[in-house]
Amino acid sequence: MNTLGKIAMGLLMVCLLFATYLTTGVLKARSTWLKKIGDKTAQIEKAQAEVVSNKRQFEEARNLVHWENDNWGRAWQSPNSGPSPTGDGSVEFGIGSNAGLGRGQTDPAKLPLVYVFATNANGQSQYLGDFQLTEVRQDNTGAKLTRPLHADELQSWPTGEYRVREQVPHDSLSSIDSLRTLLILGEQTVAHERSMLKIQTEHTAASQAALDQRLAELNGKPDAIDKAGPDVKDGLVQTLRREETARNELVKSVDELRRDLSDKHLRLTTVLSGNQDNLPKLGGPFKSKPPAKKVAAAK
């Protein structure tokens, strides 16, 4: 009995050890699988969050595409495009009906408007304007600007790839019209200022010519014709100086003559007075002094 008990006890211990080993393995496997399940669950939750985010981004992008299509319509990249040699605001596009341009219209009167953008030398987008399609061919198209060209505008249009749009948002068109109005007003202001500058330049030239004429009259023209008088050749200033010099000499001569006449008149009066005083001594008929005028008349 003791031997059987010992054997049973040994088998029990072996079973317990084996059970402990199995339990430990099961617990370890359970922990490993639980960790893997947790990692997979986190990956699934992250993937679900990314799916939700990607779906939201997709919806936003699709709405943006719908909005752009609704506001801008279709668009075409047109290579080998540029202004026409006619110089009247016409352009040539490198695409045609094969690309869907013109909406399949064959009647020129029913061809639609398009809005054209280009890339300038600085790499910036440049709006050229709204163009009326005039002729749609298979591989190229002709169009003409719907408004008059601004001054030197055609020289600013680049050649190369154009972006042709079917429509433009109303707000953008309103802004373009406002800017176009300001540009027209500015051009009118510049034209008016240029006209005023031209008038002022003409007035300045006329005033300068009149000034030169007056200076020539004052300073004289030595190269004048032979029949011209000395006032023309010598000028009014020199002529006036010469005349003033002659007048001063004449005035001086007259003054000298007046002084000489005054001196002679004084001597004459003195002689007449002395003669009158000597008449009584000579036994003349006069008893008193005759007037000076009678004496002068008698002389």
C-alpha atoms as a PDB file:
ATOM      1  CA  MET A   1       0.000   0.000   0.000  1.00  0.00           C
ATOM      2  CA  ASN A   2       2.765   2.302   0.833  1.00  0.00           C
ATOM      3  CA  THR A   3       4.454   1.466  -2.456  1.00  0.00           C
ATOM      4  CA  LEU A   4       1.263   2.067  -4.420  1.00  0.00           C
ATOM      5  CA  GLY A   5       0.713   5.279  -2.509  1.00  0.00           C
ATOM      6  CA  LYS A   6       4.156   6.440  -3.304  1.00  0.00           C
ATOM      7  CA  ILE A   7       3.691   5.529  -6.965  1.00  0.00           C
ATOM      8  CA  ALA A   8       0.348   7.308  -7.037  1.00  0.00           C
ATOM      9  CA  MET A   9       1.853  10.276  -5.281  1.00  0.00           C
ATOM     10  CA  GLY A  10       4.668  10.368  -7.865  1.00  0.00           C
ATOM     11  CA  LEU A  11       2.238  10.115 -10.733  1.00  0.00           C
ATOM     12  CA  LEU A  12       0.172  12.847  -9.140  1.00  0.00           C
ATOM     13  CA  MET A  13       3.235  15.070  -8.849  1.00  0.00           C
ATOM     14  CA  VAL A  14       4.149  14.374 -12.453  1.00  0.00           C
ATOM     15  CA  CYS A  15       0.588  15.177 -13.501  1.00  0.00           C
ATOM     16  CA  LEU A  16       0.661  18.332 -11.451  1.00  0.00           C
ATOM     17  CA  LEU A  17       3.942  19.395 -13.001  1.00  0.00           C
ATOM     18  CA  PHE A  18       2.666  18.595 -16.464  1.00  0.00           C
ATOM     19  CA  ALA A  19      -0.572  20.445 -15.734  1.00  0.00           C
ATOM     20  CA  THR A  20       1.422  23.405 -14.444  1.00  0.00           C
ATOM     21  CA  TYR A  21       3.529  23.376 -17.616  1.00  0.00           C
ATOM     22  CA  LEU A  22       0.431  23.159 -19.787  1.00  0.00           C
ATOM     23  CA  THR A  23      -1.263  25.926 -17.804  1.00  0.00           C
ATOM     24  CA  THR A  24       1.807  28.136 -18.111  1.00  0.00           C
ATOM     25  CA  GLY A  25       1.964  27.478 -21.869  1.00  0.00           C
ATOM     26  CA  VAL A  26      -1.733  28.157 -22.241  1.00  0.00           C
ATOM     27  CA  LEU A  27      -1.443  31.414 -20.275  1.00  0.00           C
ATOM     28  CA  LYS A  28       1.596  32.452 -22.317  1.00  0.00           C
ATOM     29  CA  ALA A  29      -0.181  31.614 -25.569  1.00  0.00           C
ATOM     30  CA  ARG A  30      -3.270  33.448 -24.324  1.00  0.00           C
ATOM     31  CA  SER A  31      -1.186  36.552 -23.519  1.00  0.00           C
ATOM     32  CA  THR A  32       0.493  36.394 -26.931  1.00  0.00           C
ATOM     33  CA  TRP A  33      -2.828  36.061 -28.724  1.00  0.00           C
ATOM     34  CA  LEU A  34      -4.409  38.770 -26.601  1.00  0.00           C
ATOM     35  CA  LYS A  35      -1.516  41.104 -27.524  1.00  0.00           C
ATOM     36  CA  LYS A  36      -1.886  40.239 -31.187  1.00  0.00           C
ATOM     37  CA  ILE A  37      -5.644  40.779 -30.955  1.00  0.00           C
ATOM     38  CA  GLY A  38      -5.036  44.157 -29.266  1.00  0.00           C
ATOM     39  CA  ASP A  39      -2.545  45.179 -31.964  1.00  0.00           C
ATOM     40  CA  LYS A  40      -4.879  44.084 -34.731  1.00  0.00           C
ATOM     41  CA  THR A  41      -7.765  45.888 -33.027  1.00  0.00           C
ATOM     42  CA  ALA A  42      -5.661  49.105 -32.857  1.00  0.00           C
ATOM     43  CA  GLN A  43      -4.686  48.670 -36.496  1.00  0.00           C
ATOM     44  CA  ILE A  44      -8.320  48.137 -37.450  1.00  0.00           C
ATOM     45  CA  GLU A  45      -9.418  51.215 -35.488  1.00  0.00           C
ATOM     46  CA  LYS A  46      -6.621  53.272 -37.079  1.00  0.00           C
ATOM     47  CA  ALA A  47      -7.547  51.962 -40.514  1.00  0.00           C
ATOM     48  CA  GLN A  48     -11.206  52.761 -39.843  1.00  0.00           C
ATOM     49  CA  ALA A  49     -10.218  56.312 -38.756  1.00  0.00           C
ATOM     50  CA  GLU A  50      -8.094  56.688 -41.904  1.00  0.00           C
ATOM     51  CA  VAL A  51     -10.978  55.381 -43.999  1.00  0.00           C
ATOM     52  CA  VAL A  52     -13.289  57.973 -42.420  1.00  0.00           C
ATOM     53  CA  SER A  53     -10.692  60.744 -42.957  1.00  0.00           C
ATOM     54  CA  ASN A  54      -9.998  59.648 -46.518  1.00  0.00           C
ATOM     55  CA  LYS A  55     -13.695  59.441 -47.208  1.00  0.00           C
ATOM     56  CA  ARG A  56     -14.165  62.979 -45.857  1.00  0.00           C
ATOM     57  CA  GLN A  57     -11.250  64.246 -47.976  1.00  0.00           C
ATOM     58  CA  PHE A  58     -12.683  62.445 -50.972  1.00  0.00           C
ATOM     59  CA  GLU A  59     -16.071  64.082 -50.406  1.00  0.00           C
ATOM     60  CA  GLU A  60     -14.437  67.509 -50.045  1.00  0.00           C
ATOM     61  CA  ALA A  61     -12.384  66.975 -53.204  1.00  0.00           C
ATOM     62  CA  ARG A  62     -15.437  65.748 -55.095  1.00  0.00           C
ATOM     63  CA  ASN A  63     -17.440  68.769 -53.894  1.00  0.00           C
ATOM     64  CA  LEU A  64     -14.578  71.045 -54.946  1.00  0.00           C
ATOM     65  CA  VAL A  65     -14.524  69.414 -58.371  1.00  0.00           C
ATOM     66  CA  HIS A  66     -18.295  69.832 -58.656  1.00  0.00           C
ATOM     67  CA  TRP A  67     -18.010  73.457 -57.535  1.00  0.00           C
ATOM     68  CA  GLU A  68     -15.232  74.142 -60.052  1.00  0.00           C
ATOM     69  CA  ASN A  69     -17.207  72.453 -62.814  1.00  0.00           C
ATOM     70  CA  ASP A  70     -20.311  74.440 -61.896  1.00  0.00           C
ATOM     71  CA  ASN A  71     -18.456  77.768 -61.738  1.00  0.00           C
ATOM     72  CA  TRP A  72     -15.644  77.332 -64.254  1.00  0.00           C
ATOM     73  CA  GLY A  73     -17.066  74.714 -66.596  1.00  0.00           C
ATOM     74  CA  ARG A  74     -14.795  72.605 -68.693  1.00  0.00           C
ATOM     75  CA  ALA A  75     -11.197  73.588 -69.357  1.00  0.00           C
ATOM     76  CA  TRP A  76      -8.676  72.698 -72.040  1.00  0.00           C
ATOM     77  CA  GLN A  77      -4.903  72.981 -72.159  1.00  0.00           C
ATOM     78  CA  SER A  78      -4.157  74.457 -75.581  1.00  0.00           C
ATOM     79  CA  PRO A  79      -0.538  74.109 -76.746  1.00  0.00           C
ATOM     80  CA  ASN A  80       0.994  76.037 -79.652  1.00  0.00           C
ATOM     81  CA  SER A  81      -1.364  78.983 -79.110  1.00  0.00           C
ATOM     82  CA  GLY A  82      -0.797  82.690 -79.609  1.00  0.00           C
ATOM     83  CA  PRO A  83      -2.039  85.941 -81.136  1.00  0.00           C
ATOM     84  CA  SER A  84      -2.885  86.004 -84.823  1.00  0.00           C
ATOM     85  CA  PRO A  85      -0.611  87.950 -87.227  1.00  0.00           C
ATOM     86  CA  THR A  86      -3.622  90.093 -88.202  1.00  0.00           C
ATOM     87  CA  GLY A  87      -3.094  92.165 -85.043  1.00  0.00           C
ATOM     88  CA  ASP A  88      -6.824  92.756 -84.512  1.00  0.00           C
ATOM     89  CA  GLY A  89      -7.179  90.824 -81.256  1.00  0.00           C
ATOM     90  CA  SER A  90      -7.536  87.397 -82.864  1.00  0.00           C
ATOM     91  CA  VAL A  91      -5.827  84.296 -81.449  1.00  0.00           C
ATOM     92  CA  GLU A  92      -5.197  80.767 -82.645  1.00  0.00           C
ATOM     93  CA  PHE A  93      -5.635  77.757 -80.310  1.00  0.00           C
ATOM     94  CA  GLY A  94      -3.758  74.485 -80.778  1.00  0.00           C
ATOM     95  CA  ILE A  95      -6.890  72.423 -80.078  1.00  0.00           C
ATOM     96  CA  GLY A  96     -10.142  71.985 -81.961  1.00  0.00           C
ATOM     97  CA  SER A  97     -13.276  69.932 -82.205  1.00  0.00           C
ATOM     98  CA  ASN A  98     -11.328  66.707 -81.560  1.00  0.00           C
ATOM     99  CA  ALA A  99     -10.789  67.941 -77.974  1.00  0.00           C
ATOM    100  CA  GLY A 100     -14.450  68.889 -77.566  1.00  0.00           C
ATOM    101  CA  LEU A 101     -13.988  72.620 -78.064  1.00  0.00           C
ATOM    102  CA  GLY A 102     -16.991  74.406 -79.544  1.00  0.00           C
ATOM    103  CA  ARG A 103     -19.565  71.953 -78.162  1.00  0.00           C
ATOM    104  CA  GLY A 104     -19.889  70.345 -81.549  1.00  0.00           C
ATOM    105  CA  GLN A 105     -21.360  73.470 -83.138  1.00  0.00           C
ATOM    106  CA  THR A 106     -20.758  73.906 -86.839  1.00  0.00           C
ATOM    107  CA  ASP A 107     -22.713  77.150 -87.244  1.00  0.00           C
ATOM    108  CA  PRO A 108     -20.317  80.103 -86.604  1.00  0.00           C
ATOM    109  CA  ALA A 109     -23.222  82.198 -85.294  1.00  0.00           C
ATOM    110  CA  LYS A 110     -23.820  79.691 -82.462  1.00  0.00           C
ATOM    111  CA  LEU A 111     -20.219  79.203 -81.363  1.00  0.00           C
ATOM    112  CA  PRO A 112     -19.772  79.960 -77.632  1.00  0.00           C
ATOM    113  CA  LEU A 113     -17.576  82.406 -75.767  1.00  0.00           C
ATOM    114  CA  VAL A 114     -14.431  81.144 -74.074  1.00  0.00           C
ATOM    115  CA  TYR A 115     -12.222  82.704 -71.408  1.00  0.00           C
ATOM    116  CA  VAL A 116      -8.497  82.506 -72.081  1.00  0.00           C
ATOM    117  CA  PHE A 117      -5.606  82.458 -69.614  1.00  0.00           C
ATOM    118  CA  ALA A 118      -1.888  82.364 -70.415  1.00  0.00           C
ATOM    119  CA  THR A 119       1.356  82.111 -68.473  1.00  0.00           C
ATOM    120  CA  ASN A 120       3.583  85.175 -68.788  1.00  0.00           C
ATOM    121  CA  ALA A 121       7.372  85.352 -68.680  1.00  0.00           C
ATOM    122  CA  ASN A 122       7.324  85.555 -64.859  1.00  0.00           C
ATOM    123  CA  GLY A 123       5.435  82.272 -64.606  1.00  0.00           C
ATOM    124  CA  GLN A 124       2.231  83.993 -63.444  1.00  0.00           C
ATOM    125  CA  SER A 125      -1.226  83.391 -64.844  1.00  0.00           C
ATOM    126  CA  GLN A 126      -2.425  86.204 -67.110  1.00  0.00           C
ATOM    127  CA  TYR A 127      -6.051  86.700 -68.101  1.00  0.00           C
ATOM    128  CA  LEU A 128      -6.227  87.697 -71.749  1.00  0.00           C
ATOM    129  CA  GLY A 129      -9.996  88.216 -71.959  1.00  0.00           C
ATOM    130  CA  ASP A 130     -13.180  86.668 -73.252  1.00  0.00           C
ATOM    131  CA  PHE A 131     -13.031  85.519 -76.862  1.00  0.00           C
ATOM    132  CA  GLN A 132     -15.692  84.643 -79.390  1.00  0.00           C
ATOM    133  CA  LEU A 133     -14.903  81.465 -81.276  1.00  0.00           C
ATOM    134  CA  THR A 134     -14.923  82.254 -84.992  1.00  0.00           C
ATOM    135  CA  GLU A 135     -13.865  78.972 -86.609  1.00  0.00           C
ATOM    136  CA  VAL A 136     -13.482  75.556 -85.003  1.00  0.00           C
ATOM    137  CA  ARG A 137     -11.430  73.059 -86.968  1.00  0.00           C
ATOM    138  CA  GLN A 138     -10.385  69.551 -85.991  1.00  0.00           C
ATOM    139  CA  ASP A 139      -6.979  70.361 -84.533  1.00  0.00           C
ATOM    140  CA  ASN A 140      -7.036  74.150 -84.143  1.00  0.00           C
ATOM    141  CA  THR A 141      -9.474  76.985 -83.522  1.00  0.00           C
ATOM    142  CA  GLY A 142      -9.690  80.692 -84.283  1.00  0.00           C
ATOM    143  CA  ALA A 143     -11.167  83.244 -81.844  1.00  0.00           C
ATOM    144  CA  LYS A 144     -11.397  87.013 -81.522  1.00  0.00           C
ATOM    145  CA  LEU A 145     -11.442  89.322 -78.518  1.00  0.00           C
ATOM    146  CA  THR A 146     -14.931  90.675 -77.752  1.00  0.00           C
ATOM    147  CA  ARG A 147     -13.705  94.138 -76.733  1.00  0.00           C
ATOM    148  CA  PRO A 148     -11.359  96.718 -78.276  1.00  0.00           C
ATOM    149  CA  LEU A 149      -7.670  96.258 -77.626  1.00  0.00           C
ATOM    150  CA  HIS A 150      -5.961  98.517 -75.110  1.00  0.00           C
ATOM    151  CA  ALA A 151      -2.848 100.453 -76.047  1.00  0.00           C
ATOM    152  CA  ASP A 152       0.137  98.103 -76.508  1.00  0.00           C
ATOM    153  CA  GLU A 153      -1.932  95.213 -75.112  1.00  0.00           C
ATOM    154  CA  LEU A 154      -1.218  92.826 -77.969  1.00  0.00           C
ATOM    155  CA  GLN A 155       2.531  92.986 -77.307  1.00  0.00           C
ATOM    156  CA  SER A 156       1.952  91.640 -73.772  1.00  0.00           C
ATOM    157  CA  TRP A 157       0.230  88.447 -74.963  1.00  0.00           C
ATOM    158  CA  PRO A 158       2.633  85.495 -74.737  1.00  0.00           C
ATOM    159  CA  THR A 159       2.718  82.524 -77.077  1.00  0.00           C
ATOM    160  CA  GLY A 160       2.757  78.880 -76.069  1.00  0.00           C
ATOM    161  CA  GLU A 161       0.264  77.003 -73.937  1.00  0.00           C
ATOM    162  CA  TYR A 162      -3.088  78.684 -73.199  1.00  0.00           C
ATOM    163  CA  ARG A 163      -5.772  77.520 -70.784  1.00  0.00           C
ATOM    164  CA  VAL A 164      -9.201  77.844 -72.369  1.00  0.00           C
ATOM    165  CA  ARG A 165     -12.196  77.821 -70.008  1.00  0.00           C
ATOM    166  CA  GLU A 166     -15.847  77.414 -70.782  1.00  0.00           C
ATOM    167  CA  GLN A 167     -16.986  79.935 -68.172  1.00  0.00           C
ATOM    168  CA  VAL A 168     -15.789  82.134 -65.310  1.00  0.00           C
ATOM    169  CA  PRO A 169     -17.502  82.725 -61.928  1.00  0.00           C
ATOM    170  CA  HIS A 170     -19.796  85.749 -61.814  1.00  0.00           C
ATOM    171  CA  ASP A 171     -17.798  87.384 -58.994  1.00  0.00           C
ATOM    172  CA  SER A 172     -14.625  87.120 -61.030  1.00  0.00           C
ATOM    173  CA  LEU A 173     -16.348  88.602 -64.073  1.00  0.00           C
ATOM    174  CA  SER A 174     -17.601  91.518 -61.948  1.00  0.00           C
ATOM    175  CA  SER A 175     -14.081  92.148 -60.654  1.00  0.00           C
ATOM    176  CA  ILE A 176     -12.692  91.960 -64.190  1.00  0.00           C
ATOM    177  CA  ASP A 177     -15.323  94.439 -65.440  1.00  0.00           C
ATOM    178  CA  SER A 178     -14.505  96.830 -62.577  1.00  0.00           C
ATOM    179  CA  LEU A 179     -10.788  96.629 -63.315  1.00  0.00           C
ATOM    180  CA  ARG A 180     -11.478  97.070 -67.021  1.00  0.00           C
ATOM    181  CA  THR A 181     -13.535 100.208 -66.276  1.00  0.00           C
ATOM    182  CA  LEU A 182     -10.703 101.606 -64.161  1.00  0.00           C
ATOM    183  CA  LEU A 183      -8.259 100.810 -66.950  1.00  0.00           C
ATOM    184  CA  ILE A 184     -10.415 102.624 -69.528  1.00  0.00           C
ATOM    185  CA  LEU A 185     -10.720 105.651 -67.238  1.00  0.00           C
ATOM    186  CA  GLY A 186      -6.968 105.601 -66.712  1.00  0.00           C
ATOM    187  CA  GLU A 187      -6.332 105.454 -70.457  1.00  0.00           C
ATOM    188  CA  GLN A 188      -8.718 108.367 -70.992  1.00  0.00           C
ATOM    189  CA  THR A 189      -6.922 110.341 -68.291  1.00  0.00           C
ATOM    190  CA  VAL A 190      -3.551 109.579 -69.873  1.00  0.00           C
ATOM    191  CA  ALA A 191      -4.866 110.575 -73.318  1.00  0.00           C
ATOM    192  CA  HIS A 192      -6.221 113.848 -71.893  1.00  0.00           C
ATOM    193  CA  GLU A 193      -2.952 114.596 -70.126  1.00  0.00           C
ATOM    194  CA  ARG A 194      -1.011 113.845 -73.301  1.00  0.00           C
ATOM    195  CA  SER A 195      -3.307 116.172 -75.251  1.00  0.00           C
ATOM    196  CA  MET A 196      -2.836 118.916 -72.661  1.00  0.00           C
ATOM    197  CA  LEU A 197       0.920 118.313 -72.696  1.00  0.00           C
ATOM    198  CA  LYS A 198       0.940 118.616 -76.481  1.00  0.00           C
ATOM    199  CA  ILE A 199      -0.998 121.909 -76.299  1.00  0.00           C
ATOM    200  CA  GLN A 200       1.338 123.231 -73.604  1.00  0.00           C
ATOM    201  CA  THR A 201       4.348 122.173 -75.658  1.00  0.00           C
ATOM    202  CA  GLU A 202       2.962 124.007 -78.699  1.00  0.00           C
ATOM    203  CA  HIS A 203       2.274 127.091 -76.569  1.00  0.00           C
ATOM    204  CA  THR A 204       5.768 126.910 -75.118  1.00  0.00           C
ATOM    205  CA  ALA A 205       7.263 126.659 -78.607  1.00  0.00           C
ATOM    206  CA  ALA A 206       5.146 129.616 -79.804  1.00  0.00           C
ATOM    207  CA  SER A 207       6.126 131.638 -76.735  1.00  0.00           C
ATOM    208  CA  GLN A 208       9.786 130.794 -77.283  1.00  0.00           C
ATOM    209  CA  ALA A 209       9.518 131.847 -80.929  1.00  0.00           C
ATOM    210  CA  ALA A 210       7.878 135.151 -79.893  1.00  0.00           C
ATOM    211  CA  LEU A 211      10.550 135.638 -77.236  1.00  0.00           C
ATOM    212  CA  ASP A 212      13.286 134.984 -79.781  1.00  0.00           C
ATOM    213  CA  GLN A 213      11.635 137.487 -82.124  1.00  0.00           C
ATOM    214  CA  ARG A 214      11.458 140.127 -79.374  1.00  0.00           C
ATOM    215  CA  LEU A 215      15.056 139.456 -78.370  1.00  0.00           C
ATOM    216  CA  ALA A 216      16.090 139.784 -82.011  1.00  0.00           C
ATOM    217  CA  GLU A 217      14.243 143.110 -82.192  1.00  0.00           C
ATOM    218  CA  LEU A 218      15.952 144.296 -79.036  1.00  0.00           C
ATOM    219  CA  ASN A 219      19.440 142.935 -79.685  1.00  0.00           C
ATOM    220  CA  GLY A 220      19.439 143.236 -83.483  1.00  0.00           C
ATOM    221  CA  LYS A 221      20.080 140.865 -86.361  1.00  0.00           C
ATOM    222  CA  PRO A 222      23.483 141.372 -87.944  1.00  0.00           C
ATOM    223  CA  ASP A 223      22.577 138.928 -90.719  1.00  0.00           C
ATOM    224  CA  ALA A 224      19.479 140.922 -91.764  1.00  0.00           C
ATOM    225  CA  ILE A 225      19.004 141.920 -95.408  1.00  0.00           C
ATOM    226  CA  ASP A 226      20.804 144.955 -96.726  1.00  0.00           C
ATOM    227  CA  LYS A 227      17.566 146.956 -97.105  1.00  0.00           C
ATOM    228  CA  ALA A 228      16.812 146.587 -93.397  1.00  0.00           C
ATOM    229  CA  GLY A 229      17.185 149.709 -91.320  1.00  0.00           C
ATOM    230  CA  PRO A 230      19.835 150.226 -88.616  1.00  0.00           C
ATOM    231  CA  ASP A 231      17.207 149.543 -85.937  1.00  0.00           C
ATOM    232  CA  VAL A 232      16.771 146.028 -87.376  1.00  0.00           C
ATOM    233  CA  LYS A 233      20.457 145.268 -87.704  1.00  0.00           C
ATOM    234  CA  ASP A 234      21.627 146.947 -84.503  1.00  0.00           C
ATOM    235  CA  GLY A 235      18.508 146.297 -82.467  1.00  0.00           C
ATOM    236  CA  LEU A 236      16.194 148.595 -80.603  1.00  0.00           C
ATOM    237  CA  VAL A 237      18.424 148.734 -77.542  1.00  0.00           C
ATOM    238  CA  GLN A 238      21.477 149.931 -79.450  1.00  0.00           C
ATOM    239  CA  THR A 239      19.349 152.275 -81.590  1.00  0.00           C
ATOM    240  CA  LEU A 240      17.733 153.737 -78.473  1.00  0.00           C
ATOM    241  CA  ARG A 241      21.123 154.249 -76.883  1.00  0.00           C
ATOM    242  CA  ARG A 242      22.382 155.942 -80.018  1.00  0.00           C
ATOM    243  CA  GLU A 243      19.307 158.194 -80.203  1.00  0.00           C
ATOM    244  CA  GLU A 244      19.610 159.042 -76.505  1.00  0.00           C
ATOM    245  CA  THR A 245      23.261 159.958 -77.036  1.00  0.00           C
ATOM    246  CA  ALA A 246      22.323 162.227 -79.970  1.00  0.00           C
ATOM    247  CA  ARG A 247      19.484 163.758 -77.944  1.00  0.00           C
ATOM    248  CA  ASN A 248      21.813 164.414 -75.026  1.00  0.00           C
ATOM    249  CA  GLU A 249      24.341 166.108 -77.331  1.00  0.00           C
ATOM    250  CA  LEU A 250      21.535 168.211 -78.862  1.00  0.00           C
ATOM    251  CA  VAL A 251      20.248 169.161 -75.422  1.00  0.00           C
ATOM    252  CA  LYS A 252      23.781 170.103 -74.430  1.00  0.00           C
ATOM    253  CA  SER A 253      24.143 172.275 -77.567  1.00  0.00           C
ATOM    254  CA  VAL A 254      20.776 173.948 -76.933  1.00  0.00           C
ATOM    255  CA  ASP A 255      21.753 174.645 -73.340  1.00  0.00           C
ATOM    256  CA  GLU A 256      25.010 176.194 -74.461  1.00  0.00           C
ATOM    257  CA  LEU A 257      23.142 178.349 -77.002  1.00  0.00           C
ATOM    258  CA  ARG A 258      20.631 179.430 -74.347  1.00  0.00           C
ATOM    259  CA  ARG A 259      23.435 180.398 -71.996  1.00  0.00           C
ATOM    260  CA  ASP A 260      25.218 182.288 -74.786  1.00  0.00           C
ATOM    261  CA  LEU A 261      21.980 184.068 -75.723  1.00  0.00           C
ATOM    262  CA  SER A 262      21.370 184.990 -72.092  1.00  0.00           C
ATOM    263  CA  ASP A 263      24.868 186.417 -71.778  1.00  0.00           C
ATOM    264  CA  LYS A 264      24.521 188.406 -74.983  1.00  0.00           C
ATOM    265  CA  HIS A 265      21.096 189.704 -73.938  1.00  0.00           C
ATOM    266  CA  LEU A 266      22.560 190.829 -70.654  1.00  0.00           C
ATOM    267  CA  ARG A 267      25.399 192.663 -72.400  1.00  0.00           C
ATOM    268  CA  LEU A 268      22.902 194.269 -74.824  1.00  0.00           C
ATOM    269  CA  THR A 269      20.746 195.490 -71.952  1.00  0.00           C
ATOM    270  CA  THR A 270      23.799 196.928 -70.230  1.00  0.00           C
ATOM    271  CA  VAL A 271      24.914 198.778 -73.412  1.00  0.00           C
ATOM    272  CA  LEU A 272      21.430 200.193 -74.002  1.00  0.00           C
ATOM    273  CA  SER A 273      21.203 201.394 -70.433  1.00  0.00           C
ATOM    274  CA  GLY A 274      24.615 203.114 -70.740  1.00  0.00           C
ATOM    275  CA  ASN A 275      23.625 204.763 -74.033  1.00  0.00           C
ATOM    276  CA  GLN A 276      20.407 206.048 -72.489  1.00  0.00           C
ATOM    277  CA  ASP A 277      22.351 207.578 -69.644  1.00  0.00           C
ATOM    278  CA  ASN A 278      24.648 209.360 -72.112  1.00  0.00           C
ATOM    279  CA  LEU A 279      21.837 210.972 -74.216  1.00  0.00           C
ATOM    280  CA  PRO A 280      21.229 214.028 -71.953  1.00  0.00           C
ATOM    281  CA  LYS A 281      24.889 214.781 -72.023  1.00  0.00           C
ATOM    282  CA  LEU A 282      24.811 214.775 -75.788  1.00  0.00           C
ATOM    283  CA  GLY A 283      21.849 217.246 -75.876  1.00  0.00           C
ATOM    284  CA  GLY A 284      19.399 214.831 -77.325  1.00  0.00           C
ATOM    285  CA  PRO A 285      15.654 215.361 -77.511  1.00  0.00           C
ATOM    286  CA  PHE A 286      14.874 212.854 -74.813  1.00  0.00           C
ATOM    287  CA  LYS A 287      14.507 214.163 -71.309  1.00  0.00           C
ATOM    288  CA  SER A 288      13.813 210.852 -69.800  1.00  0.00           C
ATOM    289  CA  LYS A 289      14.880 207.262 -70.515  1.00  0.00           C
ATOM    290  CA  PRO A 290      12.912 205.660 -73.296  1.00  0.00           C
ATOM    291  CA  PRO A 291      11.561 202.131 -72.772  1.00  0.00           C
ATOM    292  CA  ALA A 292      13.977 199.306 -73.440  1.00  0.00           C
ATOM    293  CA  LYS A 293      11.786 197.980 -76.259  1.00  0.00           C
ATOM    294  CA  LYS A 294      11.910 201.315 -78.128  1.00  0.00           C
ATOM    295  CA  VAL A 295      15.635 201.474 -77.635  1.00  0.00           C
ATOM    296  CA  ALA A 296      16.008 198.009 -79.014  1.00  0.00           C
ATOM    297  CA  ALA A 297      13.743 198.915 -81.939  1.00  0.00           C
ATOM    298  CA  ALA A 298      15.769 202.021 -82.672  1.00  0.00           C
ATOM    299  CA  LYS A 299      18.923 200.019 -82.736  1.00  0.00           C
END
